[in-house]
Amino acid sequence: MASYKLSIKPSAGKELEAVGSKADRTRIIAKISALATNTRQHGSEKLAGYDDRYRVRQGNYRVVYEIDDATSHVTIYKIGHRREVYR
């Protein structure tokens, strides 16, 4: 499987810093790192209304990302608690 380049939007970086506990942040970072090798991993779901955006869960948090297969690039758009991330 091909390796993808990861990038995180500045707003998503701030949302990651705002996550409550260090343990949750560490798990989210591990989940994001895994996207570089497996973009459509088990548990990821395509978001309705978008052609190329997906979400993956990590506990009570969600990571919303976009996959560009043509350039092998994954962009993280949003990181947040499950009750707030889709607003």
PDB file of N, CA and C in Angstrom:
ATOM      1  N   MET A   1       0.840  -1.173   0.000  1.00  0.00           N
ATOM      2  CA  MET A   1       0.000   0.000   0.000  1.00  0.00           C
ATOM      3  C   MET A   1       0.892   1.245   0.000  1.00  0.00           C
ATOM      4  N   ALA A   2       0.490   2.236  -0.742  1.00  0.00           N
ATOM      5  CA  ALA A   2       1.275   3.466  -0.891  1.00  0.00           C
ATOM      6  C   ALA A   2       1.212   4.315   0.375  1.00  0.00           C
ATOM      7  N   SER A   3       2.264   5.067   0.585  1.00  0.00           N
ATOM      8  CA  SER A   3       2.315   5.979   1.715  1.00  0.00           C
ATOM      9  C   SER A   3       1.793   7.343   1.283  1.00  0.00           C
ATOM     10  N   TYR A   4       0.946   7.935   2.087  1.00  0.00           N
ATOM     11  CA  TYR A   4       0.353   9.232   1.801  1.00  0.00           C
ATOM     12  C   TYR A   4       1.029  10.308   2.637  1.00  0.00           C
ATOM     13  N   LYS A   5       1.069  11.508   2.103  1.00  0.00           N
ATOM     14  CA  LYS A   5       1.602  12.655   2.829  1.00  0.00           C
ATOM     15  C   LYS A   5       0.471  13.239   3.670  1.00  0.00           C
ATOM     16  N   LEU A   6       0.754  13.538   4.932  1.00  0.00           N
ATOM     17  CA  LEU A   6      -0.244  14.094   5.839  1.00  0.00           C
ATOM     18  C   LEU A   6      -0.032  15.587   6.017  1.00  0.00           C
ATOM     19  N   SER A   7      -1.129  16.326   6.074  1.00  0.00           N
ATOM     20  CA  SER A   7      -1.049  17.735   6.459  1.00  0.00           C
ATOM     21  C   SER A   7      -2.259  18.049   7.331  1.00  0.00           C
ATOM     22  N   ILE A   8      -2.042  18.930   8.288  1.00  0.00           N
ATOM     23  CA  ILE A   8      -3.093  19.314   9.230  1.00  0.00           C
ATOM     24  C   ILE A   8      -3.337  20.801   9.073  1.00  0.00           C
ATOM     25  N   LYS A   9      -4.584  21.170   8.839  1.00  0.00           N
ATOM     26  CA  LYS A   9      -4.918  22.585   8.740  1.00  0.00           C
ATOM     27  C   LYS A   9      -4.645  23.254  10.088  1.00  0.00           C
ATOM     28  N   PRO A  10      -4.245  24.526  10.088  1.00  0.00           N
ATOM     29  CA  PRO A  10      -3.949  25.218  11.356  1.00  0.00           C
ATOM     30  C   PRO A  10      -5.118  25.189  12.346  1.00  0.00           C
ATOM     31  N   SER A  11      -6.339  25.302  11.844  1.00  0.00           N
ATOM     32  CA  SER A  11      -7.496  25.270  12.745  1.00  0.00           C
ATOM     33  C   SER A  11      -7.631  23.898  13.412  1.00  0.00           C
ATOM     34  N   ALA A  12      -7.334  22.833  12.679  1.00  0.00           N
ATOM     35  CA  ALA A  12      -7.386  21.484  13.254  1.00  0.00           C
ATOM     36  C   ALA A  12      -6.277  21.291  14.281  1.00  0.00           C
ATOM     37  N   GLY A  13      -5.127  21.902  14.048  1.00  0.00           N
ATOM     38  CA  GLY A  13      -4.038  21.839  15.024  1.00  0.00           C
ATOM     39  C   GLY A  13      -4.431  22.480  16.341  1.00  0.00           C
ATOM     40  N   LYS A  14      -5.129  23.598  16.263  1.00  0.00           N
ATOM     41  CA  LYS A  14      -5.604  24.268  17.484  1.00  0.00           C
ATOM     42  C   LYS A  14      -6.655  23.425  18.191  1.00  0.00           C
ATOM     43  N   GLU A  15      -7.510  22.768  17.402  1.00  0.00           N
ATOM     44  CA  GLU A  15      -8.525  21.897  18.001  1.00  0.00           C
ATOM     45  C   GLU A  15      -7.867  20.710  18.695  1.00  0.00           C
ATOM     46  N   LEU A  16      -6.787  20.208  18.129  1.00  0.00           N
ATOM     47  CA  LEU A  16      -6.058  19.103  18.757  1.00  0.00           C
ATOM     48  C   LEU A  16      -5.447  19.543  20.079  1.00  0.00           C
ATOM     49  N   GLU A  17      -4.888  20.735  20.112  1.00  0.00           N
ATOM     50  CA  GLU A  17      -4.303  21.253  21.353  1.00  0.00           C
ATOM     51  C   GLU A  17      -5.357  21.452  22.436  1.00  0.00           C
ATOM     52  N   ALA A  18      -6.605  21.698  22.039  1.00  0.00           N
ATOM     53  CA  ALA A  18      -7.675  21.952  22.994  1.00  0.00           C
ATOM     54  C   ALA A  18      -8.305  20.669  23.552  1.00  0.00           C
ATOM     55  N   VAL A  19      -7.902  19.516  23.036  1.00  0.00           N
ATOM     56  CA  VAL A  19      -8.444  18.248  23.536  1.00  0.00           C
ATOM     57  C   VAL A  19      -8.069  18.103  25.005  1.00  0.00           C
ATOM     58  N   GLY A  20      -9.042  17.666  25.806  1.00  0.00           N
ATOM     59  CA  GLY A  20      -8.918  17.618  27.252  1.00  0.00           C
ATOM     60  C   GLY A  20      -7.673  16.990  27.836  1.00  0.00           C
ATOM     61  N   SER A  21      -7.483  15.704  27.654  1.00  0.00           N
ATOM     62  CA  SER A  21      -6.379  15.037  28.342  1.00  0.00           C
ATOM     63  C   SER A  21      -5.242  14.691  27.384  1.00  0.00           C
ATOM     64  N   LYS A  22      -4.072  14.554  27.945  1.00  0.00           N
ATOM     65  CA  LYS A  22      -2.882  14.208  27.150  1.00  0.00           C
ATOM     66  C   LYS A  22      -3.025  12.816  26.556  1.00  0.00           C
ATOM     67  N   ALA A  23      -3.640  11.901  27.286  1.00  0.00           N
ATOM     68  CA  ALA A  23      -3.830  10.534  26.789  1.00  0.00           C
ATOM     69  C   ALA A  23      -4.708  10.545  25.534  1.00  0.00           C
ATOM     70  N   ASP A  24      -5.785  11.350  25.539  1.00  0.00           N
ATOM     71  CA  ASP A  24      -6.642  11.447  24.355  1.00  0.00           C
ATOM     72  C   ASP A  24      -5.881  12.032  23.173  1.00  0.00           C
ATOM     73  N   ARG A  25      -5.086  13.072  23.422  1.00  0.00           N
ATOM     74  CA  ARG A  25      -4.286  13.678  22.348  1.00  0.00           C
ATOM     75  C   ARG A  25      -3.315  12.663  21.751  1.00  0.00           C
ATOM     76  N   THR A  26      -2.680  11.880  22.602  1.00  0.00           N
ATOM     77  CA  THR A  26      -1.727  10.873  22.132  1.00  0.00           C
ATOM     78  C   THR A  26      -2.420   9.842  21.254  1.00  0.00           C
ATOM     79  N   ARG A  27      -3.605   9.398  21.647  1.00  0.00           N
ATOM     80  CA  ARG A  27      -4.352   8.416  20.853  1.00  0.00           C
ATOM     81  C   ARG A  27      -4.793   9.003  19.516  1.00  0.00           C
ATOM     82  N   ILE A  28      -5.222  10.270  19.527  1.00  0.00           N
ATOM     83  CA  ILE A  28      -5.647  10.926  18.287  1.00  0.00           C
ATOM     84  C   ILE A  28      -4.465  11.073  17.340  1.00  0.00           C
ATOM     85  N   ILE A  29      -3.303  11.452  17.856  1.00  0.00           N
ATOM     86  CA  ILE A  29      -2.108  11.593  17.025  1.00  0.00           C
ATOM     87  C   ILE A  29      -1.720  10.250  16.425  1.00  0.00           C
ATOM     88  N   ALA A  30      -1.836   9.183  17.188  1.00  0.00           N
ATOM     89  CA  ALA A  30      -1.536   7.842  16.666  1.00  0.00           C
ATOM     90  C   ALA A  30      -2.506   7.472  15.547  1.00  0.00           C
ATOM     91  N   LYS A  31      -3.782   7.816  15.714  1.00  0.00           N
ATOM     92  CA  LYS A  31      -4.789   7.520  14.694  1.00  0.00           C
ATOM     93  C   LYS A  31      -4.500   8.310  13.420  1.00  0.00           C
ATOM     94  N   ILE A  32      -4.100   9.580  13.565  1.00  0.00           N
ATOM     95  CA  ILE A  32      -3.770  10.412  12.402  1.00  0.00           C
ATOM     96  C   ILE A  32      -2.531   9.856  11.695  1.00  0.00           C
ATOM     97  N   SER A  33      -1.539   9.442  12.456  1.00  0.00           N
ATOM     98  CA  SER A  33      -0.319   8.881  11.863  1.00  0.00           C
ATOM     99  C   SER A  33      -0.614   7.609  11.068  1.00  0.00           C
ATOM    100  N   ALA A  34      -1.574   6.831  11.538  1.00  0.00           N
ATOM    101  CA  ALA A  34      -1.940   5.597  10.839  1.00  0.00           C
ATOM    102  C   ALA A  34      -2.593   5.888   9.489  1.00  0.00           C
ATOM    103  N   LEU A  35      -3.146   7.084   9.325  1.00  0.00           N
ATOM    104  CA  LEU A  35      -3.769   7.437   8.045  1.00  0.00           C
ATOM    105  C   LEU A  35      -2.755   7.537   6.912  1.00  0.00           C
ATOM    106  N   ALA A  36      -1.491   7.725   7.228  1.00  0.00           N
ATOM    107  CA  ALA A  36      -0.463   7.836   6.192  1.00  0.00           C
ATOM    108  C   ALA A  36      -0.307   6.525   5.421  1.00  0.00           C
ATOM    109  N   THR A  37      -0.522   5.401   6.077  1.00  0.00           N
ATOM    110  CA  THR A  37      -0.360   4.110   5.413  1.00  0.00           C
ATOM    111  C   THR A  37      -1.680   3.461   5.032  1.00  0.00           C
ATOM    112  N   ASN A  38      -2.744   3.763   5.769  1.00  0.00           N
ATOM    113  CA  ASN A  38      -4.042   3.151   5.502  1.00  0.00           C
ATOM    114  C   ASN A  38      -5.122   4.228   5.599  1.00  0.00           C
ATOM    115  N   THR A  39      -5.431   4.869   4.486  1.00  0.00           N
ATOM    116  CA  THR A  39      -6.356   6.007   4.506  1.00  0.00           C
ATOM    117  C   THR A  39      -7.801   5.602   4.748  1.00  0.00           C
ATOM    118  N   ARG A  40      -8.158   4.432   4.302  1.00  0.00           N
ATOM    119  CA  ARG A  40      -9.543   3.965   4.492  1.00  0.00           C
ATOM    120  C   ARG A  40      -9.539   2.777   5.452  1.00  0.00           C
ATOM    121  N   GLN A  41      -9.051   3.041   6.660  1.00  0.00           N
ATOM    122  CA  GLN A  41      -8.917   1.990   7.650  1.00  0.00           C
ATOM    123  C   GLN A  41     -10.271   1.549   8.190  1.00  0.00           C
ATOM    124  N   HIS A  42     -10.270   0.425   8.870  1.00  0.00           N
ATOM    125  CA  HIS A  42     -11.491  -0.104   9.478  1.00  0.00           C
ATOM    126  C   HIS A  42     -12.067   0.936  10.430  1.00  0.00           C
ATOM    127  N   GLY A  43     -13.335   1.229  10.293  1.00  0.00           N
ATOM    128  CA  GLY A  43     -13.989   2.208  11.154  1.00  0.00           C
ATOM    129  C   GLY A  43     -14.101   3.581  10.536  1.00  0.00           C
ATOM    130  N   SER A  44     -13.435   3.833   9.409  1.00  0.00           N
ATOM    131  CA  SER A  44     -13.574   5.141   8.766  1.00  0.00           C
ATOM    132  C   SER A  44     -14.840   5.123   7.921  1.00  0.00           C
ATOM    133  N   GLU A  45     -15.523   6.261   7.888  1.00  0.00           N
ATOM    134  CA  GLU A  45     -16.760   6.355   7.127  1.00  0.00           C
ATOM    135  C   GLU A  45     -16.731   7.589   6.252  1.00  0.00           C
ATOM    136  N   LYS A  46     -17.298   7.458   5.065  1.00  0.00           N
ATOM    137  CA  LYS A  46     -17.397   8.573   4.144  1.00  0.00           C
ATOM    138  C   LYS A  46     -18.498   9.509   4.643  1.00  0.00           C
ATOM    139  N   LEU A  47     -18.246  10.814   4.592  1.00  0.00           N
ATOM    140  CA  LEU A  47     -19.228  11.783   5.048  1.00  0.00           C
ATOM    141  C   LEU A  47     -20.231  12.085   3.940  1.00  0.00           C
ATOM    142  N   ALA A  48     -21.498  12.155   4.298  1.00  0.00           N
ATOM    143  CA  ALA A  48     -22.545  12.478   3.336  1.00  0.00           C
ATOM    144  C   ALA A  48     -22.389  13.931   2.895  1.00  0.00           C
ATOM    145  N   GLY A  49     -22.610  14.181   1.619  1.00  0.00           N
ATOM    146  CA  GLY A  49     -22.534  15.527   1.092  1.00  0.00           C
ATOM    147  C   GLY A  49     -21.167  15.909   0.564  1.00  0.00           C
ATOM    148  N   TYR A  50     -20.176  15.043   0.706  1.00  0.00           N
ATOM    149  CA  TYR A  50     -18.824  15.299   0.214  1.00  0.00           C
ATOM    150  C   TYR A  50     -18.383  14.144  -0.663  1.00  0.00           C
ATOM    151  N   ASP A  51     -17.547  14.442  -1.645  1.00  0.00           N
ATOM    152  CA  ASP A  51     -17.046  13.392  -2.525  1.00  0.00           C
ATOM    153  C   ASP A  51     -15.852  12.657  -1.942  1.00  0.00           C
ATOM    154  N   ASP A  52     -15.043  13.365  -1.147  1.00  0.00           N
ATOM    155  CA  ASP A  52     -13.777  12.788  -0.726  1.00  0.00           C
ATOM    156  C   ASP A  52     -13.432  13.028   0.736  1.00  0.00           C
ATOM    157  N   ARG A  53     -14.424  13.307   1.567  1.00  0.00           N
ATOM    158  CA  ARG A  53     -14.152  13.506   2.997  1.00  0.00           C
ATOM    159  C   ARG A  53     -14.634  12.302   3.797  1.00  0.00           C
ATOM    160  N   TYR A  54     -13.823  11.974   4.786  1.00  0.00           N
ATOM    161  CA  TYR A  54     -14.088  10.822   5.637  1.00  0.00           C
ATOM    162  C   TYR A  54     -13.937  11.234   7.089  1.00  0.00           C
ATOM    163  N   ARG A  55     -14.402  10.364   7.974  1.00  0.00           N
ATOM    164  CA  ARG A  55     -14.176  10.579   9.396  1.00  0.00           C
ATOM    165  C   ARG A  55     -13.768   9.267  10.023  1.00  0.00           C
ATOM    166  N   VAL A  56     -12.948   9.405  11.066  1.00  0.00           N
ATOM    167  CA  VAL A  56     -12.526   8.232  11.824  1.00  0.00           C
ATOM    168  C   VAL A  56     -12.702   8.574  13.298  1.00  0.00           C
ATOM    169  N   ARG A  57     -13.111   7.588  14.076  1.00  0.00           N
ATOM    170  CA  ARG A  57     -13.347   7.811  15.500  1.00  0.00           C
ATOM    171  C   ARG A  57     -12.127   7.445  16.319  1.00  0.00           C
ATOM    172  N   GLN A  58     -11.987   8.167  17.410  1.00  0.00           N
ATOM    173  CA  GLN A  58     -11.017   7.808  18.442  1.00  0.00           C
ATOM    174  C   GLN A  58     -11.678   8.150  19.763  1.00  0.00           C
ATOM    175  N   GLY A  59     -12.293   7.160  20.386  1.00  0.00           N
ATOM    176  CA  GLY A  59     -13.028   7.397  21.623  1.00  0.00           C
ATOM    177  C   GLY A  59     -14.205   8.317  21.358  1.00  0.00           C
ATOM    178  N   ASN A  60     -14.301   9.402  22.124  1.00  0.00           N
ATOM    179  CA  ASN A  60     -15.373  10.369  21.938  1.00  0.00           C
ATOM    180  C   ASN A  60     -15.016  11.450  20.926  1.00  0.00           C
ATOM    181  N   TYR A  61     -13.875  11.330  20.291  1.00  0.00           N
ATOM    182  CA  TYR A  61     -13.409  12.348  19.354  1.00  0.00           C
ATOM    183  C   TYR A  61     -13.485  11.841  17.926  1.00  0.00           C
ATOM    184  N   ARG A  62     -13.640  12.771  16.996  1.00  0.00           N
ATOM    185  CA  ARG A  62     -13.702  12.449  15.580  1.00  0.00           C
ATOM    186  C   ARG A  62     -12.645  13.251  14.831  1.00  0.00           C
ATOM    187  N   VAL A  63     -12.052  12.645  13.832  1.00  0.00           N
ATOM    188  CA  VAL A  63     -11.093  13.305  12.956  1.00  0.00           C
ATOM    189  C   VAL A  63     -11.704  13.299  11.558  1.00  0.00           C
ATOM    190  N   VAL A  64     -11.939  14.491  11.005  1.00  0.00           N
ATOM    191  CA  VAL A  64     -12.501  14.632   9.663  1.00  0.00           C
ATOM    192  C   VAL A  64     -11.346  14.948   8.719  1.00  0.00           C
ATOM    193  N   TYR A  65     -11.235  14.159   7.650  1.00  0.00           N
ATOM    194  CA  TYR A  65     -10.109  14.327   6.737  1.00  0.00           C
ATOM    195  C   TYR A  65     -10.542  14.121   5.299  1.00  0.00           C
ATOM    196  N   GLU A  66      -9.695  14.618   4.392  1.00  0.00           N
ATOM    197  CA  GLU A  66      -9.945  14.511   2.959  1.00  0.00           C
ATOM    198  C   GLU A  66      -8.806  13.730   2.321  1.00  0.00           C
ATOM    199  N   ILE A  67      -9.151  12.839   1.401  1.00  0.00           N
ATOM    200  CA  ILE A  67      -8.159  12.024   0.709  1.00  0.00           C
ATOM    201  C   ILE A  67      -8.078  12.481  -0.745  1.00  0.00           C
ATOM    202  N   ASP A  68      -6.861  12.754  -1.202  1.00  0.00           N
ATOM    203  CA  ASP A  68      -6.615  13.058  -2.614  1.00  0.00           C
ATOM    204  C   ASP A  68      -5.724  11.945  -3.153  1.00  0.00           C
ATOM    205  N   ASP A  69      -6.343  10.966  -3.793  1.00  0.00           N
ATOM    206  CA  ASP A  69      -5.599   9.810  -4.296  1.00  0.00           C
ATOM    207  C   ASP A  69      -4.662  10.173  -5.441  1.00  0.00           C
ATOM    208  N   ALA A  70      -4.998  11.191  -6.210  1.00  0.00           N
ATOM    209  CA  ALA A  70      -4.170  11.575  -7.363  1.00  0.00           C
ATOM    210  C   ALA A  70      -2.784  12.044  -6.921  1.00  0.00           C
ATOM    211  N   THR A  71      -2.731  12.768  -5.793  1.00  0.00           N
ATOM    212  CA  THR A  71      -1.446  13.292  -5.309  1.00  0.00           C
ATOM    213  C   THR A  71      -0.944  12.567  -4.065  1.00  0.00           C
ATOM    214  N   SER A  72      -1.647  11.529  -3.637  1.00  0.00           N
ATOM    215  CA  SER A  72      -1.302  10.776  -2.412  1.00  0.00           C
ATOM    216  C   SER A  72      -1.160  11.713  -1.228  1.00  0.00           C
ATOM    217  N   HIS A  73      -2.228  12.449  -0.953  1.00  0.00           N
ATOM    218  CA  HIS A  73      -2.209  13.464   0.095  1.00  0.00           C
ATOM    219  C   HIS A  73      -3.462  13.348   0.958  1.00  0.00           C
ATOM    220  N   VAL A  74      -3.288  13.400   2.275  1.00  0.00           N
ATOM    221  CA  VAL A  74      -4.395  13.397   3.228  1.00  0.00           C
ATOM    222  C   VAL A  74      -4.342  14.706   4.005  1.00  0.00           C
ATOM    223  N   THR A  75      -5.467  15.425   4.038  1.00  0.00           N
ATOM    224  CA  THR A  75      -5.553  16.695   4.762  1.00  0.00           C
ATOM    225  C   THR A  75      -6.535  16.541   5.913  1.00  0.00           C
ATOM    226  N   ILE A  76      -6.080  16.836   7.124  1.00  0.00           N
ATOM    227  CA  ILE A  76      -6.940  16.787   8.309  1.00  0.00           C
ATOM    228  C   ILE A  76      -7.648  18.133   8.415  1.00  0.00           C
ATOM    229  N   TYR A  77      -8.985  18.116   8.400  1.00  0.00           N
ATOM    230  CA  TYR A  77      -9.757  19.349   8.424  1.00  0.00           C
ATOM    231  C   TYR A  77     -10.274  19.719   9.798  1.00  0.00           C
ATOM    232  N   LYS A  78     -10.692  18.742  10.568  1.00  0.00           N
ATOM    233  CA  LYS A  78     -11.338  19.058  11.837  1.00  0.00           C
ATOM    234  C   LYS A  78     -11.099  17.935  12.825  1.00  0.00           C
ATOM    235  N   ILE A  79     -10.882  18.310  14.076  1.00  0.00           N
ATOM    236  CA  ILE A  79     -10.736  17.359  15.177  1.00  0.00           C
ATOM    237  C   ILE A  79     -11.596  17.890  16.302  1.00  0.00           C
ATOM    238  N   GLY A  80     -12.479  17.060  16.821  1.00  0.00           N
ATOM    239  CA  GLY A  80     -13.321  17.552  17.902  1.00  0.00           C
ATOM    240  C   GLY A  80     -14.123  16.453  18.552  1.00  0.00           C
ATOM    241  N   HIS A  81     -14.796  16.843  19.629  1.00  0.00           N
ATOM    242  CA  HIS A  81     -15.678  15.930  20.344  1.00  0.00           C
ATOM    243  C   HIS A  81     -16.842  15.556  19.439  1.00  0.00           C
ATOM    244  N   ARG A  82     -17.350  14.388  19.593  1.00  0.00           N
ATOM    245  CA  ARG A  82     -18.382  13.878  18.683  1.00  0.00           C
ATOM    246  C   ARG A  82     -19.641  14.726  18.646  1.00  0.00           C
ATOM    247  N   ARG A  83     -19.958  15.438  19.724  1.00  0.00           N
ATOM    248  CA  ARG A  83     -21.174  16.256  19.726  1.00  0.00           C
ATOM    249  C   ARG A  83     -20.976  17.613  19.048  1.00  0.00           C
ATOM    250  N   GLU A  84     -19.719  17.983  18.765  1.00  0.00           N
ATOM    251  CA  GLU A  84     -19.440  19.300  18.213  1.00  0.00           C
ATOM    252  C   GLU A  84     -18.800  19.291  16.822  1.00  0.00           C
ATOM    253  N   VAL A  85     -18.229  18.189  16.411  1.00  0.00           N
ATOM    254  CA  VAL A  85     -17.367  18.185  15.227  1.00  0.00           C
ATOM    255  C   VAL A  85     -18.144  18.398  13.924  1.00  0.00           C
ATOM    256  N   TYR A  86     -19.410  18.050  13.842  1.00  0.00           N
ATOM    257  CA  TYR A  86     -20.146  18.155  12.586  1.00  0.00           C
ATOM    258  C   TYR A  86     -20.857  19.474  12.422  1.00  0.00           C
ATOM    259  N   ARG A  87     -20.755  20.362  13.370  1.00  0.00           N
ATOM    260  CA  ARG A  87     -21.444  21.665  13.288  1.00  0.00           C
ATOM    261  C   ARG A  87     -20.706  22.625  12.416  1.00  0.00           C
TER     262      ARG A  87
END
